[in-house]
């Protein structure tokens, strides 16, 4: 995935001297939409858990899909090794993915093993309109039987059928 950067001309002053270097910032990123701090606290995520979740969000496709296969996990382990020299084990990442699924941060695609949707209730890439369209698609009949739609709801699935 190619990374795009913007350059900003900075004005930095120190001890009476001013320099004007170009500072680069990534253009691409993801947005956090919902307070999920309670989930992180419930999961008791450490730095590795938070970093891995953020890495998943950075690498997800614009439609919030991500293939969490062995290659993806190996890439994260290599990244963590480079940064910390203490990489997590693959079994630790598998455990984190399971926890993320249980708390609906990741939605498993029921038709394609290892394909997940990063829950757009919490995270997305792109515009607000793109996120709204994605949420609409995921909650439409197009995804019946393909995902657990309860992960996107604010109330239990069955509560919508009471009195119907």
N, C-alpha and C. Protein backbone atom coordinates (compact mmCIF):
# COMPACT_ATOMS: atom_id res chain seq x y z
N UNK A 1 0.85 -1.17 0.00
CA UNK A 1 0.00 0.00 0.00
C UNK A 1 0.90 1.23 0.00
N UNK A 2 0.77 2.05 -1.00
CA UNK A 2 1.57 3.27 -1.12
C UNK A 2 1.09 4.29 -0.09
N UNK A 3 2.03 4.95 0.53
CA UNK A 3 1.69 5.96 1.53
C UNK A 3 1.86 7.33 0.92
N UNK A 4 0.84 8.16 1.09
CA UNK A 4 0.88 9.53 0.57
C UNK A 4 1.15 10.49 1.72
N UNK A 5 1.92 11.50 1.41
CA UNK A 5 2.29 12.48 2.43
C UNK A 5 1.99 13.90 1.95
N UNK A 6 1.69 14.78 2.91
CA UNK A 6 1.63 16.21 2.63
C UNK A 6 2.85 16.82 3.30
N UNK A 7 3.34 17.90 2.72
CA UNK A 7 4.48 18.59 3.30
C UNK A 7 4.02 19.96 3.77
N UNK A 8 4.43 20.29 4.97
CA UNK A 8 4.10 21.58 5.57
C UNK A 8 5.41 22.30 5.85
N UNK A 9 5.50 23.55 5.46
CA UNK A 9 6.67 24.37 5.76
C UNK A 9 6.52 24.85 7.20
N UNK A 10 7.42 24.39 8.05
CA UNK A 10 7.35 24.74 9.47
C UNK A 10 8.25 25.93 9.78
N UNK A 11 7.95 26.60 10.86
CA UNK A 11 8.80 27.66 11.38
C UNK A 11 9.15 27.27 12.80
N UNK A 12 10.41 26.87 13.01
CA UNK A 12 10.86 26.40 14.31
C UNK A 12 11.94 27.34 14.84
N UNK A 13 11.74 27.81 16.08
CA UNK A 13 12.69 28.74 16.68
C UNK A 13 13.24 28.13 17.96
N UNK A 14 14.57 28.22 18.07
CA UNK A 14 15.25 27.70 19.27
C UNK A 14 16.48 28.55 19.53
N UNK A 15 16.56 29.10 20.72
CA UNK A 15 17.69 29.93 21.14
C UNK A 15 18.01 31.03 20.12
N UNK A 16 16.94 31.69 19.67
CA UNK A 16 17.11 32.83 18.77
C UNK A 16 17.31 32.46 17.31
N UNK A 17 17.40 31.19 16.97
CA UNK A 17 17.58 30.77 15.58
C UNK A 17 16.27 30.19 15.07
N UNK A 18 15.93 30.54 13.85
CA UNK A 18 14.73 30.03 13.20
C UNK A 18 15.10 29.23 11.97
N UNK A 19 14.49 28.07 11.85
CA UNK A 19 14.67 27.24 10.65
C UNK A 19 13.29 26.97 10.07
N UNK A 20 13.26 26.66 8.78
CA UNK A 20 11.99 26.42 8.09
C UNK A 20 12.04 25.09 7.32
N UNK A 21 12.08 23.97 8.04
CA UNK A 21 12.12 22.68 7.35
C UNK A 21 10.74 22.28 6.82
N UNK A 22 10.75 21.39 5.84
CA UNK A 22 9.51 20.75 5.39
C UNK A 22 9.24 19.57 6.31
N UNK A 23 8.05 19.51 6.85
CA UNK A 23 7.64 18.41 7.73
C UNK A 23 6.57 17.61 7.00
N UNK A 24 6.75 16.28 6.96
CA UNK A 24 5.81 15.41 6.24
C UNK A 24 4.81 14.78 7.20
N UNK A 25 3.57 14.72 6.76
CA UNK A 25 2.49 14.06 7.48
C UNK A 25 1.76 13.12 6.53
N UNK A 26 1.36 11.96 7.05
CA UNK A 26 0.61 11.04 6.21
C UNK A 26 -0.76 11.63 5.88
N UNK A 27 -1.18 11.47 4.63
CA UNK A 27 -2.50 11.92 4.20
C UNK A 27 -3.55 10.92 4.66
N UNK A 28 -3.23 9.64 4.44
CA UNK A 28 -4.19 8.59 4.75
C UNK A 28 -4.25 8.34 6.24
N UNK A 29 -5.38 7.84 6.67
CA UNK A 29 -5.56 7.51 8.08
C UNK A 29 -6.93 6.92 8.30
N UNK A 30 -7.27 6.74 9.52
CA UNK A 30 -8.60 6.25 9.84
C UNK A 30 -9.19 7.15 10.92
N UNK A 31 -10.49 7.08 11.04
CA UNK A 31 -11.21 7.91 11.98
C UNK A 31 -11.84 7.02 13.04
N UNK A 32 -11.80 7.44 14.28
CA UNK A 32 -12.49 6.76 15.37
C UNK A 32 -13.80 7.50 15.58
N UNK A 33 -14.93 6.79 15.51
CA UNK A 33 -16.25 7.42 15.56
C UNK A 33 -16.99 7.27 16.88
N UNK A 34 -16.60 6.32 17.66
CA UNK A 34 -17.41 6.01 18.83
C UNK A 34 -16.47 5.76 20.00
N UNK A 35 -16.87 6.17 21.14
CA UNK A 35 -16.05 5.96 22.33
C UNK A 35 -16.01 4.46 22.63
N UNK A 36 -14.88 3.86 22.41
CA UNK A 36 -14.73 2.44 22.69
C UNK A 36 -13.72 2.18 23.80
N UNK A 37 -13.43 3.24 24.58
CA UNK A 37 -12.47 3.09 25.67
C UNK A 37 -12.93 2.04 26.67
N UNK A 38 -14.25 1.94 26.90
CA UNK A 38 -14.75 0.92 27.82
C UNK A 38 -14.40 -0.48 27.33
N UNK A 39 -14.36 -0.66 26.01
CA UNK A 39 -14.01 -1.97 25.45
C UNK A 39 -12.53 -2.27 25.71
N UNK A 40 -11.68 -1.28 25.50
CA UNK A 40 -10.25 -1.47 25.75
C UNK A 40 -10.02 -1.80 27.23
N UNK A 41 -10.72 -1.11 28.11
CA UNK A 41 -10.57 -1.39 29.54
C UNK A 41 -11.09 -2.77 29.89
N UNK A 42 -12.24 -3.16 29.32
CA UNK A 42 -12.78 -4.50 29.57
C UNK A 42 -11.83 -5.58 29.08
N UNK A 43 -11.19 -5.33 27.94
CA UNK A 43 -10.25 -6.31 27.38
C UNK A 43 -8.90 -6.27 28.09
N UNK A 44 -8.67 -5.22 28.88
CA UNK A 44 -7.38 -5.03 29.55
C UNK A 44 -6.24 -5.04 28.54
N UNK A 45 -6.44 -4.29 27.44
CA UNK A 45 -5.44 -4.26 26.38
C UNK A 45 -4.18 -3.55 26.84
N UNK A 46 -3.06 -4.17 26.54
CA UNK A 46 -1.77 -3.53 26.79
C UNK A 46 -1.34 -2.81 25.52
N UNK A 47 -0.10 -2.34 25.50
CA UNK A 47 0.39 -1.59 24.33
C UNK A 47 0.32 -2.43 23.06
N UNK A 48 0.64 -3.72 23.16
CA UNK A 48 0.59 -4.58 21.98
C UNK A 48 -0.83 -4.68 21.44
N UNK A 49 -1.80 -4.85 22.32
CA UNK A 49 -3.19 -4.96 21.89
C UNK A 49 -3.69 -3.69 21.22
N UNK A 50 -3.37 -2.55 21.81
CA UNK A 50 -3.78 -1.27 21.23
C UNK A 50 -3.06 -1.03 19.91
N UNK A 51 -1.78 -1.34 19.87
CA UNK A 51 -1.00 -1.17 18.65
C UNK A 51 -1.53 -2.07 17.53
N UNK A 52 -1.84 -3.32 17.85
CA UNK A 52 -2.33 -4.25 16.83
C UNK A 52 -3.68 -3.80 16.29
N UNK A 53 -4.56 -3.32 17.16
CA UNK A 53 -5.86 -2.81 16.71
C UNK A 53 -5.65 -1.61 15.80
N UNK A 54 -4.78 -0.71 16.17
CA UNK A 54 -4.51 0.46 15.35
C UNK A 54 -3.89 0.05 14.01
N UNK A 55 -3.00 -0.92 14.03
CA UNK A 55 -2.37 -1.42 12.80
C UNK A 55 -3.43 -2.00 11.85
N UNK A 56 -4.37 -2.75 12.42
CA UNK A 56 -5.46 -3.30 11.61
C UNK A 56 -6.24 -2.15 10.95
N UNK A 57 -6.55 -1.11 11.73
CA UNK A 57 -7.29 0.04 11.19
C UNK A 57 -6.49 0.77 10.11
N UNK A 58 -5.19 0.92 10.31
CA UNK A 58 -4.36 1.57 9.31
C UNK A 58 -4.33 0.78 8.00
N UNK A 59 -4.31 -0.54 8.11
CA UNK A 59 -4.14 -1.39 6.93
C UNK A 59 -5.45 -1.81 6.27
N UNK A 60 -6.58 -1.55 6.93
CA UNK A 60 -7.86 -1.98 6.34
C UNK A 60 -8.09 -1.26 5.02
N UNK A 61 -8.86 -1.91 4.16
CA UNK A 61 -9.23 -1.33 2.87
C UNK A 61 -10.25 -0.22 3.08
N UNK A 62 -10.48 0.61 2.06
CA UNK A 62 -11.46 1.71 2.22
C UNK A 62 -12.87 1.23 2.58
N UNK A 63 -13.19 -0.05 2.28
CA UNK A 63 -14.50 -0.58 2.66
C UNK A 63 -14.45 -1.28 4.02
N UNK A 64 -13.40 -1.00 4.80
CA UNK A 64 -13.19 -1.54 6.14
C UNK A 64 -12.89 -3.04 6.17
N UNK A 65 -12.65 -3.67 5.04
CA UNK A 65 -12.31 -5.08 5.05
C UNK A 65 -10.82 -5.26 5.29
N UNK A 66 -10.49 -6.39 5.87
CA UNK A 66 -9.09 -6.72 6.14
C UNK A 66 -8.96 -8.24 6.18
N UNK A 67 -7.95 -8.75 5.53
CA UNK A 67 -7.66 -10.18 5.53
C UNK A 67 -6.61 -10.44 6.61
N UNK A 68 -7.02 -11.08 7.69
CA UNK A 68 -6.13 -11.31 8.82
C UNK A 68 -5.55 -12.72 8.74
N UNK A 69 -4.75 -12.93 7.71
CA UNK A 69 -4.14 -14.23 7.49
C UNK A 69 -2.73 -14.26 8.09
N UNK A 70 -2.03 -15.36 7.86
CA UNK A 70 -0.68 -15.52 8.39
C UNK A 70 0.28 -14.46 7.90
N UNK A 71 0.12 -14.06 6.66
CA UNK A 71 0.99 -13.04 6.08
C UNK A 71 0.79 -11.70 6.79
N UNK A 72 -0.45 -11.35 7.06
CA UNK A 72 -0.74 -10.09 7.76
C UNK A 72 -0.12 -10.11 9.16
N UNK A 73 -0.31 -11.23 9.85
CA UNK A 73 0.23 -11.34 11.21
C UNK A 73 1.76 -11.27 11.18
N UNK A 74 2.38 -11.92 10.19
CA UNK A 74 3.85 -11.89 10.06
C UNK A 74 4.33 -10.46 9.81
N UNK A 75 3.59 -9.70 9.00
CA UNK A 75 3.95 -8.30 8.74
C UNK A 75 3.90 -7.47 10.03
N UNK A 76 2.86 -7.70 10.83
CA UNK A 76 2.76 -6.96 12.09
C UNK A 76 3.89 -7.36 13.04
N UNK A 77 4.17 -8.65 13.12
CA UNK A 77 5.25 -9.13 13.99
C UNK A 77 6.58 -8.50 13.57
N UNK A 78 6.83 -8.42 12.27
CA UNK A 78 8.07 -7.79 11.77
C UNK A 78 8.09 -6.30 12.12
N UNK A 79 6.96 -5.64 11.99
CA UNK A 79 6.84 -4.23 12.36
C UNK A 79 7.15 -4.05 13.85
N UNK A 80 6.53 -4.87 14.69
CA UNK A 80 6.73 -4.77 16.14
C UNK A 80 8.18 -5.08 16.52
N UNK A 81 8.78 -6.03 15.83
CA UNK A 81 10.19 -6.37 16.06
C UNK A 81 11.08 -5.17 15.76
N UNK A 82 10.79 -4.51 14.66
CA UNK A 82 11.59 -3.35 14.25
C UNK A 82 11.46 -2.21 15.25
N UNK A 83 10.26 -2.01 15.77
CA UNK A 83 10.01 -0.89 16.68
C UNK A 83 10.44 -1.19 18.11
N UNK A 84 10.13 -2.39 18.60
CA UNK A 84 10.33 -2.68 20.02
C UNK A 84 11.40 -3.72 20.32
N UNK A 85 11.77 -4.48 19.31
CA UNK A 85 12.69 -5.63 19.49
C UNK A 85 12.08 -6.72 20.36
N UNK A 86 10.79 -6.60 20.67
CA UNK A 86 10.08 -7.61 21.46
C UNK A 86 8.76 -7.93 20.76
N UNK A 87 8.81 -8.65 19.66
CA UNK A 87 7.57 -8.89 18.91
C UNK A 87 6.63 -9.85 19.64
N UNK A 88 5.34 -9.67 19.44
CA UNK A 88 4.38 -10.63 20.02
C UNK A 88 4.42 -11.93 19.23
N UNK A 89 3.96 -12.99 19.84
CA UNK A 89 3.87 -14.27 19.15
C UNK A 89 2.62 -14.28 18.27
N UNK A 90 2.60 -15.17 17.30
CA UNK A 90 1.40 -15.30 16.46
C UNK A 90 0.22 -15.72 17.32
N UNK A 91 0.45 -16.57 18.31
CA UNK A 91 -0.65 -17.02 19.17
C UNK A 91 -1.25 -15.84 19.96
N UNK A 92 -0.41 -14.86 20.33
CA UNK A 92 -0.91 -13.65 21.00
C UNK A 92 -1.82 -12.87 20.06
N UNK A 93 -1.42 -12.74 18.79
CA UNK A 93 -2.25 -12.02 17.82
C UNK A 93 -3.56 -12.75 17.56
N UNK A 94 -3.50 -14.07 17.49
CA UNK A 94 -4.73 -14.86 17.31
C UNK A 94 -5.67 -14.63 18.48
N UNK A 95 -5.12 -14.58 19.69
CA UNK A 95 -5.92 -14.31 20.89
C UNK A 95 -6.54 -12.92 20.83
N UNK A 96 -5.77 -11.94 20.39
CA UNK A 96 -6.30 -10.58 20.27
C UNK A 96 -7.42 -10.51 19.24
N UNK A 97 -7.25 -11.16 18.10
CA UNK A 97 -8.30 -11.17 17.07
C UNK A 97 -9.58 -11.76 17.65
N UNK A 98 -9.45 -12.85 18.41
CA UNK A 98 -10.62 -13.48 19.04
C UNK A 98 -11.31 -12.48 19.98
N UNK A 99 -10.53 -11.76 20.78
CA UNK A 99 -11.10 -10.77 21.69
C UNK A 99 -11.76 -9.63 20.93
N UNK A 100 -11.13 -9.17 19.85
CA UNK A 100 -11.72 -8.10 19.04
C UNK A 100 -13.04 -8.54 18.43
N UNK A 101 -13.13 -9.81 18.02
CA UNK A 101 -14.40 -10.35 17.48
C UNK A 101 -15.46 -10.38 18.57
N UNK A 102 -15.09 -10.87 19.74
CA UNK A 102 -16.06 -11.00 20.84
C UNK A 102 -16.65 -9.65 21.24
N UNK A 103 -15.85 -8.60 21.14
CA UNK A 103 -16.32 -7.25 21.51
C UNK A 103 -16.82 -6.46 20.30
N UNK A 104 -16.93 -7.11 19.16
CA UNK A 104 -17.48 -6.52 17.94
C UNK A 104 -16.64 -5.39 17.37
N UNK A 105 -15.35 -5.34 17.69
CA UNK A 105 -14.47 -4.39 17.01
C UNK A 105 -14.18 -4.91 15.61
N UNK A 106 -14.16 -6.22 15.48
CA UNK A 106 -14.04 -6.90 14.17
C UNK A 106 -15.30 -7.70 13.94
N UNK A 107 -15.80 -7.66 12.71
CA UNK A 107 -16.96 -8.46 12.32
C UNK A 107 -16.46 -9.51 11.34
N UNK A 108 -16.66 -10.76 11.71
CA UNK A 108 -16.20 -11.86 10.86
C UNK A 108 -17.14 -12.01 9.66
N UNK A 109 -16.55 -12.13 8.47
CA UNK A 109 -17.35 -12.40 7.28
C UNK A 109 -17.60 -13.90 7.28
N UNK A 110 -18.87 -14.31 7.39
CA UNK A 110 -19.21 -15.71 7.58
C UNK A 110 -18.97 -16.57 6.35
N UNK A 111 -18.83 -15.97 5.18
CA UNK A 111 -18.64 -16.73 3.94
C UNK A 111 -17.17 -16.89 3.55
N UNK A 112 -16.30 -16.05 4.12
CA UNK A 112 -14.88 -16.06 3.75
C UNK A 112 -14.01 -16.10 5.00
N UNK A 113 -13.42 -17.26 5.30
CA UNK A 113 -12.56 -17.34 6.49
C UNK A 113 -11.42 -16.33 6.40
N UNK A 114 -11.08 -15.78 7.54
CA UNK A 114 -9.98 -14.82 7.71
C UNK A 114 -10.29 -13.43 7.16
N UNK A 115 -11.45 -13.23 6.54
CA UNK A 115 -11.84 -11.91 6.07
C UNK A 115 -12.73 -11.27 7.14
N UNK A 116 -12.36 -10.09 7.53
CA UNK A 116 -13.08 -9.37 8.57
C UNK A 116 -13.46 -7.99 8.07
N UNK A 117 -14.45 -7.43 8.73
CA UNK A 117 -14.83 -6.04 8.52
C UNK A 117 -14.54 -5.32 9.83
N UNK A 118 -13.68 -4.32 9.77
CA UNK A 118 -13.44 -3.51 10.96
C UNK A 118 -14.72 -2.72 11.18
N UNK A 119 -15.29 -2.85 12.35
CA UNK A 119 -16.62 -2.32 12.61
C UNK A 119 -16.68 -0.80 12.35
N UNK A 120 -17.45 -0.39 11.32
CA UNK A 120 -17.56 1.04 11.01
C UNK A 120 -18.35 1.82 12.07
N UNK A 121 -18.94 1.12 13.01
CA UNK A 121 -19.56 1.79 14.15
C UNK A 121 -18.47 2.51 14.95
N UNK A 122 -17.27 1.95 14.92
CA UNK A 122 -16.15 2.49 15.69
C UNK A 122 -15.07 3.16 14.83
N UNK A 123 -14.78 2.60 13.65
CA UNK A 123 -13.66 3.05 12.83
C UNK A 123 -14.04 3.09 11.36
N UNK A 124 -13.45 4.02 10.60
CA UNK A 124 -13.64 4.00 9.15
C UNK A 124 -12.51 4.75 8.47
N UNK A 125 -12.43 4.55 7.18
CA UNK A 125 -11.54 5.33 6.32
C UNK A 125 -12.45 6.07 5.34
N UNK A 126 -11.99 7.17 4.85
CA UNK A 126 -12.77 7.90 3.85
C UNK A 126 -13.70 8.92 4.46
N UNK A 127 -14.70 9.27 3.68
CA UNK A 127 -15.61 10.35 4.05
C UNK A 127 -16.76 9.87 4.93
N UNK A 128 -17.47 10.80 5.52
CA UNK A 128 -18.66 10.47 6.30
C UNK A 128 -19.71 9.82 5.42
N UNK A 129 -19.82 10.30 4.19
CA UNK A 129 -20.80 9.73 3.26
C UNK A 129 -20.45 8.29 2.92
N UNK A 130 -19.15 8.01 2.71
CA UNK A 130 -18.72 6.64 2.42
C UNK A 130 -19.02 5.73 3.60
N UNK A 131 -18.81 6.23 4.81
CA UNK A 131 -19.11 5.43 6.01
C UNK A 131 -20.60 5.16 6.11
N UNK A 132 -21.41 6.17 5.86
CA UNK A 132 -22.86 5.99 5.92
C UNK A 132 -23.31 4.95 4.90
N UNK A 133 -22.77 5.01 3.69
CA UNK A 133 -23.13 4.02 2.65
C UNK A 133 -22.69 2.63 3.06
N UNK A 134 -21.50 2.51 3.67
CA UNK A 134 -21.03 1.21 4.13
C UNK A 134 -21.94 0.65 5.21
N UNK A 135 -22.30 1.48 6.17
CA UNK A 135 -23.21 1.02 7.22
C UNK A 135 -24.55 0.59 6.64
N UNK A 136 -25.05 1.35 5.66
CA UNK A 136 -26.32 1.00 5.01
C UNK A 136 -26.21 -0.35 4.30
N UNK A 137 -25.12 -0.56 3.58
CA UNK A 137 -24.90 -1.84 2.89
C UNK A 137 -24.84 -3.00 3.88
N UNK A 138 -24.07 -2.81 4.96
CA UNK A 138 -23.91 -3.89 5.93
C UNK A 138 -25.22 -4.25 6.61
N UNK A 139 -26.10 -3.27 6.77
CA UNK A 139 -27.38 -3.53 7.43
C UNK A 139 -28.49 -3.88 6.44
N UNK A 140 -28.16 -3.97 5.15
CA UNK A 140 -29.15 -4.33 4.13
C UNK A 140 -29.20 -5.85 3.95
N UNK A 141 -30.16 -6.28 3.15
CA UNK A 141 -30.29 -7.72 2.87
C UNK A 141 -29.08 -8.29 2.13
N UNK A 142 -28.27 -7.43 1.51
CA UNK A 142 -27.06 -7.88 0.82
C UNK A 142 -26.14 -8.68 1.76
N UNK A 143 -26.16 -8.34 3.05
CA UNK A 143 -25.27 -9.00 4.01
C UNK A 143 -26.00 -9.98 4.92
N UNK A 144 -27.27 -10.29 4.62
CA UNK A 144 -27.97 -11.31 5.40
C UNK A 144 -27.21 -12.63 5.30
N UNK A 145 -26.92 -13.22 6.44
CA UNK A 145 -26.22 -14.50 6.47
C UNK A 145 -24.72 -14.40 6.21
N UNK A 146 -24.21 -13.20 5.98
CA UNK A 146 -22.78 -13.03 5.70
C UNK A 146 -22.01 -12.46 6.89
N UNK A 147 -22.71 -11.70 7.73
CA UNK A 147 -22.08 -11.12 8.93
C UNK A 147 -23.08 -11.19 10.09
N UNK A 148 -22.57 -11.01 11.29
CA UNK A 148 -23.41 -10.88 12.47
C UNK A 148 -23.79 -9.40 12.58
N UNK A 149 -24.99 -9.07 12.15
CA UNK A 149 -25.43 -7.67 12.13
C UNK A 149 -25.58 -7.08 13.53
N UNK A 150 -25.72 -7.93 14.54
CA UNK A 150 -25.85 -7.42 15.91
C UNK A 150 -24.64 -6.59 16.31
N UNK A 151 -23.49 -6.86 15.70
CA UNK A 151 -22.27 -6.10 16.01
C UNK A 151 -22.42 -4.62 15.68
N UNK A 152 -23.35 -4.28 14.80
CA UNK A 152 -23.55 -2.90 14.38
C UNK A 152 -24.66 -2.19 15.15
N UNK A 153 -25.40 -2.94 15.94
CA UNK A 153 -26.59 -2.41 16.60
C UNK A 153 -26.28 -1.87 17.98
N UNK A 154 -27.14 -0.95 18.44
CA UNK A 154 -27.01 -0.40 19.78
C UNK A 154 -27.87 -1.14 20.79
N UNK A 155 -28.72 -2.04 20.30
CA UNK A 155 -29.60 -2.84 21.14
C UNK A 155 -29.51 -4.29 20.68
N UNK A 156 -29.89 -5.24 21.53
CA UNK A 156 -29.86 -6.65 21.10
C UNK A 156 -30.74 -6.88 19.87
N UNK A 157 -30.28 -7.72 18.98
CA UNK A 157 -30.96 -8.01 17.72
C UNK A 157 -32.43 -8.34 17.93
N UNK A 158 -32.71 -9.23 18.89
CA UNK A 158 -34.09 -9.69 19.10
C UNK A 158 -35.02 -8.58 19.60
N UNK A 159 -34.47 -7.53 20.21
CA UNK A 159 -35.31 -6.45 20.72
C UNK A 159 -36.05 -5.73 19.61
N UNK A 160 -35.56 -5.81 18.39
CA UNK A 160 -36.23 -5.15 17.27
C UNK A 160 -37.46 -5.92 16.79
N UNK A 161 -37.64 -7.15 17.27
CA UNK A 161 -38.74 -7.99 16.83
C UNK A 161 -39.82 -8.14 17.88
N UNK A 162 -39.65 -7.53 19.04
CA UNK A 162 -40.66 -7.62 20.09
C UNK A 162 -41.93 -6.91 19.65
N UNK A 163 -43.05 -7.59 19.81
CA UNK A 163 -44.33 -7.01 19.44
C UNK A 163 -44.58 -6.96 17.95
N UNK A 164 -43.77 -7.62 17.15
CA UNK A 164 -43.96 -7.62 15.70
C UNK A 164 -44.70 -8.86 15.27
